[in-house]
N, C-alpha and C. Protein backbone atom coordinates (compact mmCIF):
# COMPACT_ATOMS: atom_id res chain seq x y z
N MET A 1 -68.35 -21.96 -43.02
CA MET A 1 -69.01 -23.20 -43.46
C MET A 1 -69.78 -23.80 -42.33
N HIS A 2 -70.94 -23.98 -42.63
CA HIS A 2 -71.82 -24.49 -41.55
C HIS A 2 -71.78 -26.00 -41.49
N SER A 3 -71.75 -26.56 -40.27
CA SER A 3 -71.74 -28.03 -40.05
C SER A 3 -73.15 -28.54 -39.86
N LEU A 4 -73.42 -29.66 -40.46
CA LEU A 4 -74.77 -30.25 -40.34
C LEU A 4 -74.88 -31.08 -39.06
N ARG A 5 -75.96 -30.89 -38.40
CA ARG A 5 -76.23 -31.65 -37.16
C ARG A 5 -77.26 -32.75 -37.44
N VAL A 6 -76.89 -33.92 -37.06
CA VAL A 6 -77.80 -35.07 -37.27
C VAL A 6 -78.65 -35.24 -36.03
N ALA A 7 -79.91 -35.23 -36.24
CA ALA A 7 -80.84 -35.37 -35.09
C ALA A 7 -80.84 -36.80 -34.60
N ARG A 8 -80.59 -36.98 -33.35
CA ARG A 8 -80.62 -38.30 -32.71
C ARG A 8 -82.03 -38.62 -32.20
N PRO A 9 -82.31 -39.80 -32.26
CA PRO A 9 -83.66 -40.16 -31.71
C PRO A 9 -83.74 -39.89 -30.23
N LEU A 10 -84.86 -39.42 -29.82
CA LEU A 10 -85.07 -39.04 -28.43
C LEU A 10 -85.42 -40.26 -27.60
N LEU A 11 -84.42 -41.20 -27.56
CA LEU A 11 -84.68 -42.39 -26.76
C LEU A 11 -84.66 -42.08 -25.31
N GLY A 12 -83.68 -41.18 -24.98
CA GLY A 12 -83.62 -40.86 -23.57
C GLY A 12 -84.85 -40.16 -23.08
N CYS A 13 -85.40 -39.32 -23.91
CA CYS A 13 -86.61 -38.61 -23.48
C CYS A 13 -87.78 -39.55 -23.31
N CYS A 14 -87.83 -40.53 -24.20
CA CYS A 14 -88.95 -41.50 -24.07
C CYS A 14 -88.81 -42.30 -22.81
N ARG A 15 -87.60 -42.72 -22.48
CA ARG A 15 -87.38 -43.47 -21.25
C ARG A 15 -87.73 -42.64 -20.03
N CYS A 16 -87.38 -41.37 -20.14
CA CYS A 16 -87.72 -40.51 -19.00
C CYS A 16 -89.20 -40.38 -18.83
N ARG A 17 -89.86 -40.25 -19.95
CA ARG A 17 -91.29 -40.11 -19.87
C ARG A 17 -91.95 -41.37 -19.34
N LEU A 18 -91.45 -42.54 -19.76
CA LEU A 18 -92.02 -43.79 -19.25
C LEU A 18 -91.78 -43.97 -17.76
N SER A 19 -90.61 -43.46 -17.32
CA SER A 19 -90.31 -43.60 -15.89
C SER A 19 -91.16 -42.69 -15.04
N GLN A 20 -91.62 -41.60 -15.70
CA GLN A 20 -92.42 -40.65 -14.93
C GLN A 20 -93.86 -41.13 -14.74
N ILE A 21 -94.27 -42.16 -15.53
CA ILE A 21 -95.65 -42.67 -15.38
C ILE A 21 -95.75 -43.43 -14.07
N GLN A 22 -96.68 -43.04 -13.25
CA GLN A 22 -96.83 -43.66 -11.93
C GLN A 22 -97.66 -44.94 -12.04
N LYS A 23 -97.14 -46.00 -11.44
CA LYS A 23 -97.87 -47.27 -11.39
C LYS A 23 -98.89 -47.23 -10.26
N PRO A 24 -100.04 -47.88 -10.46
CA PRO A 24 -101.04 -47.90 -9.36
C PRO A 24 -100.52 -48.65 -8.16
N ALA A 25 -100.79 -48.07 -7.06
CA ALA A 25 -100.31 -48.69 -5.81
C ALA A 25 -101.05 -49.98 -5.54
N ALA A 26 -100.32 -50.98 -5.10
CA ALA A 26 -100.94 -52.28 -4.78
C ALA A 26 -101.79 -52.16 -3.54
N ARG A 27 -102.95 -52.78 -3.60
CA ARG A 27 -103.86 -52.73 -2.46
C ARG A 27 -103.36 -53.63 -1.35
N ALA A 28 -103.48 -53.10 -0.21
CA ALA A 28 -103.04 -53.88 0.96
C ALA A 28 -104.12 -54.87 1.35
N VAL A 29 -103.74 -56.14 1.50
CA VAL A 29 -104.68 -57.20 1.88
C VAL A 29 -104.68 -57.32 3.38
N THR A 30 -105.82 -57.07 3.93
CA THR A 30 -105.94 -57.15 5.38
C THR A 30 -106.27 -58.58 5.78
N ALA A 31 -105.52 -59.14 6.62
CA ALA A 31 -105.75 -60.52 7.07
C ALA A 31 -106.91 -60.58 8.04
N ILE A 32 -107.76 -61.58 7.84
CA ILE A 32 -108.91 -61.76 8.73
C ILE A 32 -108.44 -62.50 9.96
N PRO A 33 -108.63 -61.91 11.07
CA PRO A 33 -108.15 -62.58 12.29
C PRO A 33 -108.93 -63.87 12.53
N SER A 34 -108.25 -64.92 12.86
CA SER A 34 -108.89 -66.20 13.15
C SER A 34 -109.52 -66.16 14.52
N ARG A 35 -110.66 -66.80 14.57
CA ARG A 35 -111.40 -66.84 15.83
C ARG A 35 -111.25 -68.22 16.44
N SER A 36 -111.03 -68.23 17.68
CA SER A 36 -110.92 -69.50 18.41
C SER A 36 -112.06 -69.58 19.41
N TYR A 37 -112.63 -70.76 19.47
CA TYR A 37 -113.77 -70.98 20.35
C TYR A 37 -113.35 -71.89 21.50
N ASN A 38 -113.72 -71.49 22.62
CA ASN A 38 -113.42 -72.26 23.82
C ASN A 38 -114.67 -73.05 24.19
N THR A 39 -114.58 -74.32 23.94
CA THR A 39 -115.76 -75.16 24.24
C THR A 39 -115.98 -75.33 25.73
N ASP A 40 -114.93 -75.07 26.48
CA ASP A 40 -115.09 -75.24 27.93
C ASP A 40 -115.97 -74.16 28.52
N SER A 41 -116.02 -73.01 27.81
CA SER A 41 -116.78 -71.90 28.37
C SER A 41 -118.25 -71.97 28.02
N VAL A 42 -118.64 -72.95 27.09
CA VAL A 42 -120.05 -73.07 26.71
C VAL A 42 -120.75 -73.92 27.75
N ALA A 43 -121.76 -73.39 28.33
CA ALA A 43 -122.50 -74.10 29.37
C ALA A 43 -123.80 -74.61 28.79
N LEU A 44 -124.06 -75.90 28.98
CA LEU A 44 -125.30 -76.50 28.52
C LEU A 44 -126.40 -76.22 29.53
N ARG A 45 -127.53 -75.82 28.96
CA ARG A 45 -128.65 -75.51 29.83
C ARG A 45 -129.40 -76.79 30.18
N ALA A 46 -129.61 -76.99 31.41
CA ALA A 46 -130.35 -78.16 31.88
C ALA A 46 -131.84 -77.85 31.84
N PRO A 47 -132.67 -78.86 31.58
CA PRO A 47 -134.12 -78.61 31.57
C PRO A 47 -134.59 -78.14 32.95
N LYS A 48 -135.60 -77.30 32.87
CA LYS A 48 -136.12 -76.76 34.12
C LYS A 48 -136.71 -77.86 34.99
N ASN A 49 -137.47 -78.76 34.33
CA ASN A 49 -138.10 -79.83 35.09
C ASN A 49 -137.21 -81.06 35.01
N THR A 50 -136.43 -81.31 35.98
CA THR A 50 -135.50 -82.44 35.97
C THR A 50 -136.21 -83.77 36.16
N ALA A 51 -137.43 -83.73 36.65
CA ALA A 51 -138.17 -84.98 36.88
C ALA A 51 -138.55 -85.63 35.55
N THR A 52 -138.93 -84.79 34.55
CA THR A 52 -139.29 -85.34 33.24
C THR A 52 -138.08 -85.74 32.45
N ALA A 53 -136.91 -85.13 32.70
CA ALA A 53 -135.70 -85.48 31.96
C ALA A 53 -135.13 -86.81 32.41
N ALA A 54 -135.38 -87.23 33.58
CA ALA A 54 -134.84 -88.49 34.07
C ALA A 54 -135.53 -89.66 33.40
N ALA A 55 -134.83 -90.78 33.23
CA ALA A 55 -135.40 -91.96 32.61
C ALA A 55 -136.48 -92.56 33.49
N THR A 56 -137.58 -92.99 32.81
CA THR A 56 -138.70 -93.56 33.54
C THR A 56 -138.44 -95.04 33.76
N THR A 57 -138.57 -95.48 34.94
CA THR A 57 -138.33 -96.88 35.29
C THR A 57 -139.64 -97.52 35.72
N PHE A 58 -139.80 -98.79 35.31
CA PHE A 58 -141.00 -99.54 35.67
C PHE A 58 -140.58 -100.77 36.47
N SER A 59 -141.37 -101.09 37.39
CA SER A 59 -141.12 -102.28 38.19
C SER A 59 -142.20 -103.30 37.86
N LEU A 60 -141.79 -104.43 37.21
CA LEU A 60 -142.73 -105.47 36.80
C LEU A 60 -142.88 -106.48 37.93
N PRO A 61 -144.09 -106.95 38.09
CA PRO A 61 -144.29 -107.96 39.14
C PRO A 61 -143.65 -109.28 38.73
N LYS A 62 -143.20 -110.02 39.64
CA LYS A 62 -142.55 -111.29 39.39
C LYS A 62 -143.60 -112.34 39.07
N LEU A 63 -143.37 -113.07 37.95
CA LEU A 63 -144.33 -114.07 37.52
C LEU A 63 -144.07 -115.39 38.22
N SER A 64 -145.14 -116.11 38.42
CA SER A 64 -145.01 -117.44 39.02
C SER A 64 -144.57 -118.44 37.96
N LYS A 65 -144.29 -119.67 38.39
CA LYS A 65 -143.83 -120.69 37.46
C LYS A 65 -144.92 -121.04 36.45
N GLY A 66 -146.17 -121.08 36.91
CA GLY A 66 -147.26 -121.39 35.98
C GLY A 66 -147.45 -120.30 34.94
N GLU A 67 -147.33 -119.03 35.37
CA GLU A 67 -147.48 -117.92 34.42
C GLU A 67 -146.31 -117.89 33.43
N MET A 68 -145.11 -118.21 33.91
CA MET A 68 -143.95 -118.25 33.01
C MET A 68 -144.11 -119.36 31.97
N ALA A 69 -144.60 -120.52 32.40
CA ALA A 69 -144.81 -121.62 31.45
C ALA A 69 -145.87 -121.26 30.43
N ASP A 70 -146.94 -120.57 30.88
CA ASP A 70 -147.98 -120.15 29.94
C ASP A 70 -147.45 -119.14 28.94
N LEU A 71 -146.61 -118.21 29.40
CA LEU A 71 -146.02 -117.21 28.52
C LEU A 71 -145.09 -117.85 27.49
N GLU A 72 -144.26 -118.80 27.93
CA GLU A 72 -143.37 -119.48 26.99
C GLU A 72 -144.15 -120.29 25.96
N ASN A 73 -145.26 -120.86 26.39
CA ASN A 73 -146.10 -121.62 25.46
C ASN A 73 -146.70 -120.71 24.40
N LYS A 74 -147.13 -119.51 24.80
CA LYS A 74 -147.69 -118.57 23.82
C LYS A 74 -146.64 -118.09 22.85
N ILE A 75 -145.42 -117.85 23.37
CA ILE A 75 -144.34 -117.38 22.49
C ILE A 75 -143.99 -118.44 21.46
N SER A 76 -143.92 -119.69 21.88
CA SER A 76 -143.60 -120.78 20.94
C SER A 76 -144.72 -120.97 19.93
N THR A 77 -145.96 -120.74 20.34
CA THR A 77 -147.08 -120.87 19.41
C THR A 77 -147.05 -119.79 18.35
N TYR A 78 -146.73 -118.55 18.76
CA TYR A 78 -146.67 -117.46 17.79
C TYR A 78 -145.49 -117.60 16.84
N SER A 79 -144.37 -118.12 17.33
CA SER A 79 -143.19 -118.26 16.47
C SER A 79 -143.31 -119.43 15.50
N ASN A 80 -144.12 -120.44 15.83
CA ASN A 80 -144.33 -121.60 14.96
C ASN A 80 -145.82 -121.76 14.69
N PRO A 81 -146.37 -120.93 13.80
CA PRO A 81 -147.81 -121.04 13.54
C PRO A 81 -148.16 -122.34 12.82
N GLN A 82 -149.30 -122.88 13.12
CA GLN A 82 -149.74 -124.11 12.49
C GLN A 82 -150.35 -123.81 11.13
N LYS A 83 -150.04 -124.66 10.16
CA LYS A 83 -150.58 -124.50 8.81
C LYS A 83 -151.99 -125.04 8.75
N VAL A 84 -152.89 -124.22 8.24
CA VAL A 84 -154.29 -124.64 8.12
C VAL A 84 -154.44 -125.38 6.80
N PRO A 85 -154.90 -126.60 6.82
CA PRO A 85 -155.05 -127.34 5.56
C PRO A 85 -156.11 -126.72 4.67
N ILE A 86 -155.79 -126.62 3.37
CA ILE A 86 -156.71 -126.04 2.40
C ILE A 86 -157.67 -127.14 1.92
N LYS A 87 -158.92 -126.85 2.06
CA LYS A 87 -159.94 -127.82 1.67
C LYS A 87 -160.09 -127.82 0.16
N LYS A 88 -159.92 -128.98 -0.44
CA LYS A 88 -160.05 -129.11 -1.88
C LYS A 88 -161.51 -129.24 -2.26
N GLU A 89 -161.90 -128.40 -3.23
CA GLU A 89 -163.29 -128.42 -3.66
C GLU A 89 -163.58 -129.68 -4.47
N THR A 90 -164.75 -130.25 -4.24
CA THR A 90 -165.16 -131.45 -4.96
C THR A 90 -165.88 -131.05 -6.23
N PRO A 91 -165.49 -131.60 -7.37
CA PRO A 91 -166.17 -131.27 -8.62
C PRO A 91 -167.65 -131.65 -8.56
N HIS A 92 -168.45 -130.87 -9.24
CA HIS A 92 -169.88 -131.12 -9.28
C HIS A 92 -170.19 -132.30 -10.19
N VAL A 93 -171.01 -133.21 -9.71
CA VAL A 93 -171.37 -134.41 -10.47
C VAL A 93 -172.77 -134.21 -11.04
N SER A 94 -172.90 -134.42 -12.34
CA SER A 94 -174.18 -134.26 -13.02
C SER A 94 -174.39 -135.43 -13.96
N GLU A 95 -175.61 -135.92 -14.05
CA GLU A 95 -175.94 -137.01 -14.96
C GLU A 95 -176.73 -136.53 -16.17
N GLU A 96 -177.04 -135.25 -16.23
CA GLU A 96 -177.85 -134.73 -17.32
C GLU A 96 -177.09 -133.75 -18.21
N ALA A 97 -175.80 -133.58 -17.96
CA ALA A 97 -175.04 -132.61 -18.75
C ALA A 97 -174.93 -133.07 -20.19
N VAL A 98 -174.36 -134.25 -20.39
CA VAL A 98 -174.25 -134.84 -21.73
C VAL A 98 -174.61 -136.32 -21.65
N HIS A 99 -174.72 -136.94 -22.80
CA HIS A 99 -175.09 -138.35 -22.87
C HIS A 99 -173.93 -139.13 -23.49
N LEU A 100 -173.72 -140.35 -22.98
CA LEU A 100 -172.70 -141.26 -23.50
C LEU A 100 -173.38 -142.49 -24.09
N THR A 101 -172.98 -142.85 -25.27
CA THR A 101 -173.52 -144.06 -25.89
C THR A 101 -172.89 -145.30 -25.22
N ASP A 102 -173.48 -146.45 -25.49
CA ASP A 102 -172.95 -147.69 -24.91
C ASP A 102 -171.53 -147.95 -25.40
N SER A 103 -171.27 -147.60 -26.63
CA SER A 103 -169.92 -147.79 -27.16
C SER A 103 -168.91 -146.91 -26.43
N ALA A 104 -169.29 -145.67 -26.12
CA ALA A 104 -168.39 -144.77 -25.39
C ALA A 104 -168.18 -145.24 -23.96
N ILE A 105 -169.23 -145.76 -23.34
CA ILE A 105 -169.11 -146.26 -21.96
C ILE A 105 -168.17 -147.46 -21.91
N ARG A 106 -168.32 -148.39 -22.84
CA ARG A 106 -167.45 -149.57 -22.86
C ARG A 106 -166.00 -149.16 -23.08
N ARG A 107 -165.76 -148.19 -23.94
CA ARG A 107 -164.38 -147.77 -24.21
C ARG A 107 -163.75 -147.11 -23.00
N LEU A 108 -164.48 -146.28 -22.30
CA LEU A 108 -163.94 -145.61 -21.10
C LEU A 108 -163.65 -146.62 -20.00
N LYS A 109 -164.51 -147.60 -19.82
CA LYS A 109 -164.25 -148.63 -18.81
C LYS A 109 -163.02 -149.45 -19.19
N TYR A 110 -162.88 -149.74 -20.45
CA TYR A 110 -161.72 -150.51 -20.90
C TYR A 110 -160.42 -149.74 -20.63
N LEU A 111 -160.38 -148.46 -20.91
CA LEU A 111 -159.18 -147.66 -20.66
C LEU A 111 -158.85 -147.59 -19.18
N SER A 112 -159.87 -147.49 -18.33
CA SER A 112 -159.63 -147.44 -16.88
C SER A 112 -159.08 -148.77 -16.37
N GLU A 113 -159.57 -149.88 -16.91
CA GLU A 113 -159.08 -151.20 -16.50
C GLU A 113 -157.64 -151.42 -16.96
N GLN A 114 -157.33 -150.97 -18.14
CA GLN A 114 -155.98 -151.17 -18.66
C GLN A 114 -154.95 -150.36 -17.88
N ARG A 115 -155.30 -149.15 -17.50
CA ARG A 115 -154.35 -148.28 -16.79
C ARG A 115 -154.49 -148.37 -15.27
N LYS A 116 -155.46 -149.18 -14.82
CA LYS A 116 -155.68 -149.42 -13.40
C LYS A 116 -155.90 -148.11 -12.63
N LYS A 117 -156.54 -147.20 -13.26
CA LYS A 117 -156.90 -145.92 -12.67
C LYS A 117 -158.03 -145.31 -13.48
N THR A 118 -158.93 -144.60 -12.78
CA THR A 118 -160.07 -144.02 -13.47
C THR A 118 -159.62 -143.01 -14.52
N GLN A 119 -160.09 -143.23 -15.75
CA GLN A 119 -159.78 -142.34 -16.86
C GLN A 119 -161.02 -141.49 -17.18
N TYR A 120 -160.80 -140.19 -17.26
CA TYR A 120 -161.88 -139.25 -17.54
C TYR A 120 -161.77 -138.75 -18.98
N LEU A 121 -162.88 -138.80 -19.68
CA LEU A 121 -162.94 -138.20 -21.01
C LEU A 121 -163.28 -136.72 -20.85
N ARG A 122 -162.37 -135.86 -21.28
CA ARG A 122 -162.56 -134.41 -21.13
C ARG A 122 -163.08 -133.82 -22.45
N LEU A 123 -164.16 -133.08 -22.33
CA LEU A 123 -164.73 -132.37 -23.47
C LEU A 123 -164.67 -130.87 -23.19
N ARG A 124 -164.07 -130.15 -24.11
CA ARG A 124 -164.03 -128.70 -23.99
C ARG A 124 -164.26 -128.09 -25.37
N VAL A 125 -164.63 -126.82 -25.36
CA VAL A 125 -164.91 -126.09 -26.59
C VAL A 125 -163.89 -124.99 -26.74
N ASP A 126 -163.23 -124.95 -27.89
CA ASP A 126 -162.27 -123.90 -28.21
C ASP A 126 -162.79 -123.05 -29.36
N SER A 127 -162.37 -121.81 -29.37
CA SER A 127 -162.74 -120.93 -30.48
C SER A 127 -161.86 -121.25 -31.69
N GLY A 128 -162.48 -121.29 -32.86
CA GLY A 128 -161.74 -121.61 -34.08
C GLY A 128 -162.52 -122.60 -34.92
N GLY A 129 -161.95 -122.96 -36.04
CA GLY A 129 -162.63 -123.86 -36.96
C GLY A 129 -163.42 -123.10 -38.00
N CYS A 130 -163.91 -123.83 -38.99
CA CYS A 130 -164.63 -123.17 -40.09
C CYS A 130 -165.99 -122.64 -39.68
N TYR A 131 -166.53 -123.11 -38.53
CA TYR A 131 -167.82 -122.64 -38.07
C TYR A 131 -167.74 -121.80 -36.79
N GLY A 132 -166.55 -121.50 -36.33
CA GLY A 132 -166.39 -120.60 -35.17
C GLY A 132 -165.98 -121.29 -33.90
N PHE A 133 -166.44 -122.54 -33.67
CA PHE A 133 -166.10 -123.28 -32.45
C PHE A 133 -165.72 -124.71 -32.81
N SER A 134 -164.86 -125.29 -31.97
CA SER A 134 -164.38 -126.65 -32.23
C SER A 134 -164.48 -127.48 -30.96
N TYR A 135 -164.79 -128.77 -31.15
CA TYR A 135 -164.81 -129.73 -30.05
C TYR A 135 -163.39 -130.24 -29.82
N MET A 136 -163.01 -130.35 -28.56
CA MET A 136 -161.71 -130.91 -28.19
C MET A 136 -161.97 -132.04 -27.20
N LEU A 137 -161.58 -133.27 -27.57
CA LEU A 137 -161.79 -134.45 -26.74
C LEU A 137 -160.44 -135.10 -26.47
N ASP A 138 -160.12 -135.25 -25.19
CA ASP A 138 -158.89 -135.95 -24.81
C ASP A 138 -159.09 -136.59 -23.44
N MET A 139 -158.10 -137.35 -22.99
CA MET A 139 -158.20 -138.09 -21.74
C MET A 139 -157.51 -137.33 -20.61
N ASP A 140 -158.04 -137.50 -19.40
CA ASP A 140 -157.49 -136.86 -18.20
C ASP A 140 -157.63 -137.84 -17.04
N GLU A 141 -156.75 -137.69 -16.05
CA GLU A 141 -156.78 -138.58 -14.88
C GLU A 141 -157.30 -137.91 -13.62
N GLU A 142 -157.40 -136.60 -13.60
CA GLU A 142 -157.88 -135.89 -12.42
C GLU A 142 -158.79 -134.76 -12.86
N PRO A 143 -160.01 -134.68 -12.31
CA PRO A 143 -160.87 -133.54 -12.63
C PRO A 143 -160.44 -132.30 -11.87
N ALA A 144 -160.68 -131.15 -12.44
CA ALA A 144 -160.36 -129.88 -11.79
C ALA A 144 -161.51 -129.46 -10.88
N ALA A 145 -161.25 -128.45 -10.06
CA ALA A 145 -162.27 -128.01 -9.10
C ALA A 145 -163.49 -127.41 -9.78
N ASP A 146 -163.30 -126.81 -10.96
CA ASP A 146 -164.43 -126.18 -11.65
C ASP A 146 -165.02 -127.07 -12.74
N ASP A 147 -164.72 -128.37 -12.69
CA ASP A 147 -165.25 -129.30 -13.69
C ASP A 147 -166.60 -129.85 -13.25
N VAL A 148 -167.38 -130.22 -14.22
CA VAL A 148 -168.62 -130.96 -14.00
C VAL A 148 -168.37 -132.40 -14.43
N VAL A 149 -168.57 -133.32 -13.51
CA VAL A 149 -168.28 -134.73 -13.77
C VAL A 149 -169.56 -135.44 -14.19
N VAL A 150 -169.49 -136.17 -15.28
CA VAL A 150 -170.61 -136.97 -15.77
C VAL A 150 -170.27 -138.44 -15.53
N ASP A 151 -171.14 -139.14 -14.80
CA ASP A 151 -170.92 -140.54 -14.45
C ASP A 151 -172.04 -141.37 -15.08
N ARG A 152 -171.64 -142.22 -16.02
CA ARG A 152 -172.61 -143.09 -16.69
C ARG A 152 -172.16 -144.54 -16.54
N LYS A 153 -172.79 -145.25 -15.61
CA LYS A 153 -172.52 -146.68 -15.39
C LYS A 153 -171.04 -146.95 -15.13
N GLY A 154 -170.40 -146.06 -14.40
CA GLY A 154 -168.99 -146.21 -14.07
C GLY A 154 -168.05 -145.53 -15.04
N ALA A 155 -168.53 -145.14 -16.20
CA ALA A 155 -167.72 -144.38 -17.16
C ALA A 155 -167.87 -142.90 -16.84
N LYS A 156 -166.72 -142.21 -16.73
CA LYS A 156 -166.75 -140.82 -16.28
C LYS A 156 -166.19 -139.87 -17.33
N MET A 157 -166.81 -138.70 -17.33
CA MET A 157 -166.46 -137.65 -18.28
C MET A 157 -166.48 -136.32 -17.55
N VAL A 158 -165.61 -135.38 -17.95
CA VAL A 158 -165.54 -134.07 -17.29
C VAL A 158 -165.68 -132.98 -18.35
N ILE A 159 -166.35 -131.90 -17.93
CA ILE A 159 -166.55 -130.72 -18.79
C ILE A 159 -166.35 -129.48 -17.92
N ASP A 160 -165.59 -128.53 -18.37
CA ASP A 160 -165.40 -127.30 -17.60
C ASP A 160 -166.64 -126.43 -17.67
N GLU A 161 -166.78 -125.52 -16.72
CA GLU A 161 -167.99 -124.71 -16.59
C GLU A 161 -168.17 -123.75 -17.76
N VAL A 162 -167.08 -123.37 -18.43
CA VAL A 162 -167.19 -122.45 -19.57
C VAL A 162 -167.73 -123.18 -20.79
N SER A 163 -167.31 -124.41 -20.99
CA SER A 163 -167.74 -125.17 -22.17
C SER A 163 -169.10 -125.82 -22.01
N LEU A 164 -169.53 -126.03 -20.76
CA LEU A 164 -170.78 -126.78 -20.53
C LEU A 164 -172.00 -126.15 -21.20
N PRO A 165 -172.23 -124.83 -21.13
CA PRO A 165 -173.43 -124.28 -21.79
C PRO A 165 -173.43 -124.48 -23.31
N LEU A 166 -172.27 -124.70 -23.91
CA LEU A 166 -172.19 -124.86 -25.37
C LEU A 166 -172.40 -126.30 -25.82
N VAL A 167 -172.39 -127.25 -24.87
CA VAL A 167 -172.54 -128.67 -25.25
C VAL A 167 -173.57 -129.38 -24.39
N ARG A 168 -174.34 -128.63 -23.63
CA ARG A 168 -175.32 -129.27 -22.75
C ARG A 168 -176.34 -130.07 -23.58
N GLY A 169 -176.49 -131.34 -23.20
CA GLY A 169 -177.42 -132.23 -23.90
C GLY A 169 -176.82 -132.95 -25.09
N ALA A 170 -175.51 -132.77 -25.34
CA ALA A 170 -174.88 -133.42 -26.49
C ALA A 170 -174.69 -134.92 -26.24
N THR A 171 -174.51 -135.67 -27.31
CA THR A 171 -174.31 -137.11 -27.24
C THR A 171 -172.89 -137.43 -27.71
N ILE A 172 -172.15 -138.19 -26.88
CA ILE A 172 -170.77 -138.54 -27.17
C ILE A 172 -170.72 -140.03 -27.51
N ASP A 173 -170.00 -140.35 -28.58
CA ASP A 173 -169.93 -141.73 -29.05
C ASP A 173 -168.47 -142.09 -29.31
N TRP A 174 -168.18 -143.41 -29.21
CA TRP A 174 -166.86 -143.93 -29.59
C TRP A 174 -167.03 -144.65 -30.92
N GLN A 175 -166.23 -144.24 -31.91
CA GLN A 175 -166.34 -144.81 -33.24
C GLN A 175 -165.03 -145.46 -33.65
N ASP A 176 -165.15 -146.67 -34.14
CA ASP A 176 -164.00 -147.44 -34.62
C ASP A 176 -164.22 -147.68 -36.11
N ARG A 177 -163.58 -146.83 -36.93
CA ARG A 177 -163.76 -146.89 -38.37
C ARG A 177 -162.43 -147.12 -39.07
N LEU A 178 -162.48 -147.27 -40.38
CA LEU A 178 -161.28 -147.50 -41.15
C LEU A 178 -160.34 -146.29 -41.10
N ILE A 179 -160.94 -145.10 -41.01
CA ILE A 179 -160.10 -143.89 -41.01
C ILE A 179 -159.50 -143.62 -39.62
N GLY A 180 -159.95 -144.34 -38.59
CA GLY A 180 -159.39 -144.17 -37.27
C GLY A 180 -160.39 -144.40 -36.16
N GLN A 181 -159.88 -144.40 -34.93
CA GLN A 181 -160.70 -144.56 -33.74
C GLN A 181 -160.69 -143.26 -32.95
N ALA A 182 -161.87 -142.85 -32.48
CA ALA A 182 -161.92 -141.58 -31.75
C ALA A 182 -163.29 -141.41 -31.10
N PHE A 183 -163.30 -140.60 -30.04
CA PHE A 183 -164.57 -140.15 -29.46
C PHE A 183 -165.06 -138.96 -30.29
N VAL A 184 -166.34 -138.95 -30.60
CA VAL A 184 -166.91 -137.89 -31.43
C VAL A 184 -168.20 -137.40 -30.79
N VAL A 185 -168.58 -136.19 -31.15
CA VAL A 185 -169.85 -135.60 -30.72
C VAL A 185 -170.86 -135.87 -31.83
N LEU A 186 -171.83 -136.73 -31.53
CA LEU A 186 -172.82 -137.08 -32.56
C LEU A 186 -173.84 -135.98 -32.76
N ALA A 187 -174.37 -135.46 -31.70
CA ALA A 187 -175.42 -134.45 -31.80
C ALA A 187 -175.25 -133.45 -30.66
N ASN A 188 -175.51 -132.19 -30.98
CA ASN A 188 -175.41 -131.12 -29.99
C ASN A 188 -176.60 -130.19 -30.16
N PRO A 189 -177.54 -130.20 -29.21
CA PRO A 189 -178.72 -129.34 -29.35
C PRO A 189 -178.39 -127.85 -29.26
N GLN A 190 -177.19 -127.50 -28.83
CA GLN A 190 -176.80 -126.09 -28.75
C GLN A 190 -176.20 -125.57 -30.04
N ALA A 191 -176.02 -126.43 -31.04
CA ALA A 191 -175.42 -126.03 -32.31
C ALA A 191 -176.49 -125.95 -33.39
N SER A 192 -176.34 -124.95 -34.26
CA SER A 192 -177.26 -124.78 -35.38
C SER A 192 -176.73 -125.40 -36.67
N GLY A 193 -175.47 -125.77 -36.68
CA GLY A 193 -174.87 -126.37 -37.86
C GLY A 193 -173.42 -126.70 -37.58
N GLY A 194 -172.78 -127.36 -38.53
CA GLY A 194 -171.38 -127.72 -38.36
C GLY A 194 -170.80 -128.30 -39.63
N CYS A 195 -169.52 -128.60 -39.57
CA CYS A 195 -168.84 -129.16 -40.73
C CYS A 195 -169.13 -130.65 -40.85
N GLY A 196 -168.77 -131.22 -42.00
CA GLY A 196 -169.09 -132.62 -42.24
C GLY A 196 -168.34 -133.57 -41.34
N CYS A 197 -167.11 -133.21 -40.93
CA CYS A 197 -166.35 -134.11 -40.06
C CYS A 197 -166.82 -134.07 -38.62
N GLY A 198 -167.61 -133.07 -38.26
CA GLY A 198 -168.17 -132.99 -36.91
C GLY A 198 -167.27 -132.34 -35.88
N SER A 199 -166.12 -131.81 -36.27
CA SER A 199 -165.21 -131.21 -35.29
C SER A 199 -165.51 -129.74 -35.05
N SER A 200 -166.18 -129.08 -35.97
CA SER A 200 -166.48 -127.65 -35.82
C SER A 200 -167.98 -127.45 -35.89
N PHE A 201 -168.47 -126.45 -35.13
CA PHE A 201 -169.92 -126.21 -35.09
C PHE A 201 -170.20 -124.73 -34.91
N GLU A 202 -171.43 -124.40 -35.13
CA GLU A 202 -171.91 -123.01 -35.01
C GLU A 202 -172.92 -122.93 -33.87
N ILE A 203 -172.82 -121.89 -33.04
CA ILE A 203 -173.72 -121.75 -31.89
C ILE A 203 -175.11 -121.34 -32.36
N LYS A 204 -176.11 -121.97 -31.76
CA LYS A 204 -177.50 -121.63 -32.06
C LYS A 204 -177.84 -120.32 -31.36
N MET A 205 -178.28 -119.34 -32.11
CA MET A 205 -178.64 -118.03 -31.58
C MET A 205 -180.16 -117.93 -31.50
N ASP A 206 -180.71 -118.02 -30.29
CA ASP A 206 -182.15 -117.93 -30.08
C ASP A 206 -182.53 -116.51 -29.68
């Protein structure tokens, strides 16, 4: 009678085979030798021409007392400069720029007497209005440098240089009506037309 043999797994053979596999050899790390520097052994090279390497010295002559006082005076003058006063430009005075009626002259004199200072009637032209340009009349106490001053029997009026060509030769009047009191422009030879209230006008194109 034959006996049956049970085959065992070849675990031992597998282990043997795994042990026979050679592992790669580890690479040897070579240490880099450290370098040391001796600073004492480093020699600094001196310049060939030692005369130019040496510091240059100057010998200044001794100043007298008068020269020292003059020098100190100049230093104080430079450190504290004097302010030059700015000359204020005087406005140009013209008697033919515009015309003032007797009523306007009396009103301007009255305002100056009441305020105890000269009151200037300022006339300027602004863009706008139903006809393109509008008259602007208000009071001022100081004329600007670019103003043209109109003096009529002590009554004064100012007009800036930009507005003057648009109102040259115009007549200014003071009107006291039921609807109010105001300075108005009665006639302007530079205008070709305007609104009924007289506040807006159209430039004459020649």
